[in-house]
């Protein structure tokens, strides 16, 4: 019989990472950057010029290798791609740990 476990909603938390909230936020920011690069029809070289990084870093970003990128840097990339970035601080329920969420319109 296959055993299932209910997700917490954060795969990084489910895998036991201490900085799961930050990792999930970075992954979502990177996903949005990738969507914008694709929507704009940019090559990796064109994206690199726009983001002021080299092409291998764009490749790493688009392939989810995010250790070299802070959330602040990812937010700057979104701004360079013409996006407003909004941070919302609000109280969370006591029943769970504090979390970081990224919402896209």
Protein backbone atom coordinates (compact mmCIF):
# COMPACT_ATOMS: atom_id res chain seq x y z
CA UNK A 1 0.00 0.00 0.00
CA UNK A 2 1.27 3.46 -0.92
CA UNK A 3 1.69 5.86 1.99
CA UNK A 4 0.80 9.52 1.51
CA UNK A 5 1.67 12.50 3.64
CA UNK A 6 -0.24 15.78 3.50
CA UNK A 7 1.87 18.72 2.35
CA UNK A 8 2.35 21.80 4.47
CA UNK A 9 2.08 23.87 1.28
CA UNK A 10 5.84 24.41 1.22
CA UNK A 11 7.85 21.58 -0.29
CA UNK A 12 11.05 22.92 1.28
CA UNK A 13 9.49 22.76 4.75
CA UNK A 14 8.24 19.25 4.01
CA UNK A 15 11.82 18.27 3.14
CA UNK A 16 13.07 19.71 6.45
CA UNK A 17 14.96 22.81 5.30
CA UNK A 18 15.41 25.36 8.10
CA UNK A 19 15.06 28.32 5.71
CA UNK A 20 12.05 26.87 3.88
CA UNK A 21 10.11 30.14 3.74
CA UNK A 22 12.99 32.00 2.11
CA UNK A 23 13.61 29.14 -0.32
CA UNK A 24 9.97 29.08 -1.40
CA UNK A 25 9.91 32.87 -1.86
CA UNK A 26 13.06 32.77 -3.99
CA UNK A 27 11.66 29.92 -6.08
CA UNK A 28 8.45 31.85 -6.76
CA UNK A 29 10.33 35.07 -7.59
CA UNK A 30 12.53 33.10 -10.01
CA UNK A 31 9.46 31.48 -11.56
CA UNK A 32 7.94 34.90 -12.19
CA UNK A 33 11.20 36.14 -13.72
CA UNK A 34 11.27 33.12 -16.03
CA UNK A 35 7.67 33.73 -17.10
CA UNK A 36 8.45 37.36 -17.92
CA UNK A 37 11.57 36.51 -19.90
CA UNK A 38 9.56 33.99 -21.91
CA UNK A 39 6.58 36.34 -22.37
CA UNK A 40 8.90 39.09 -23.64
CA UNK A 41 10.60 36.63 -26.00
CA UNK A 42 14.05 37.41 -24.62
CA UNK A 43 17.04 35.19 -25.26
CA UNK A 44 19.26 34.43 -22.29
CA UNK A 45 21.81 36.89 -23.65
CA UNK A 46 19.17 39.63 -23.96
CA UNK A 47 17.87 38.88 -20.47
CA UNK A 48 21.43 39.00 -19.12
CA UNK A 49 21.97 42.46 -20.60
CA UNK A 50 18.67 43.71 -19.18
CA UNK A 51 19.33 42.24 -15.72
CA UNK A 52 23.00 43.32 -15.79
CA UNK A 53 24.32 39.81 -15.15
CA UNK A 54 26.11 37.31 -17.38
CA UNK A 55 24.32 34.64 -19.43
CA UNK A 56 25.43 31.68 -17.23
CA UNK A 57 23.73 33.38 -14.26
CA UNK A 58 20.52 33.72 -16.29
CA UNK A 59 20.77 30.01 -17.09
CA UNK A 60 21.25 29.18 -13.40
CA UNK A 61 18.28 31.37 -12.47
CA UNK A 62 16.00 29.80 -15.07
CA UNK A 63 17.06 26.31 -13.99
CA UNK A 64 16.31 26.91 -10.30
CA UNK A 65 19.88 27.13 -9.07
CA UNK A 66 19.20 30.03 -6.74
CA UNK A 67 21.87 29.91 -4.03
CA UNK A 68 23.76 32.82 -5.63
CA UNK A 69 20.65 35.03 -5.64
CA UNK A 70 19.18 36.89 -2.67
CA UNK A 71 15.49 37.77 -2.57
CA UNK A 72 16.52 41.43 -2.88
CA UNK A 73 18.47 40.72 -6.05
CA UNK A 74 15.53 38.78 -7.50
CA UNK A 75 13.24 41.72 -6.71
CA UNK A 76 15.65 44.03 -8.58
CA UNK A 77 15.45 41.70 -11.59
CA UNK A 78 11.64 41.93 -11.51
CA UNK A 79 11.87 45.72 -11.46
CA UNK A 80 14.26 45.62 -14.44
CA UNK A 81 11.60 43.55 -16.22
CA UNK A 82 9.05 46.31 -15.62
CA UNK A 83 7.27 44.85 -12.62
CA UNK A 84 6.20 46.49 -9.39
CA UNK A 85 7.11 44.43 -6.35
CA UNK A 86 5.00 44.76 -3.22
CA UNK A 87 5.84 43.35 0.20
CA UNK A 88 2.91 42.82 2.58
CA UNK A 89 3.39 42.30 6.30
CA UNK A 90 0.46 40.91 8.25
CA UNK A 91 -0.06 38.79 11.33
CA UNK A 92 -0.30 35.06 10.78
CA UNK A 93 -2.29 32.51 12.74
CA UNK A 94 -0.64 31.14 15.84
CA UNK A 95 -1.27 27.61 14.57
CA UNK A 96 1.65 27.76 12.14
CA UNK A 97 5.12 29.20 11.77
CA UNK A 98 5.58 32.60 10.12
CA UNK A 99 5.95 32.39 6.37
CA UNK A 100 7.01 34.36 3.32
CA UNK A 101 4.66 34.33 0.32
CA UNK A 102 4.97 35.68 -3.20
CA UNK A 103 1.77 36.51 -5.06
CA UNK A 104 1.66 37.44 -8.73
CA UNK A 105 -1.17 39.19 -10.51
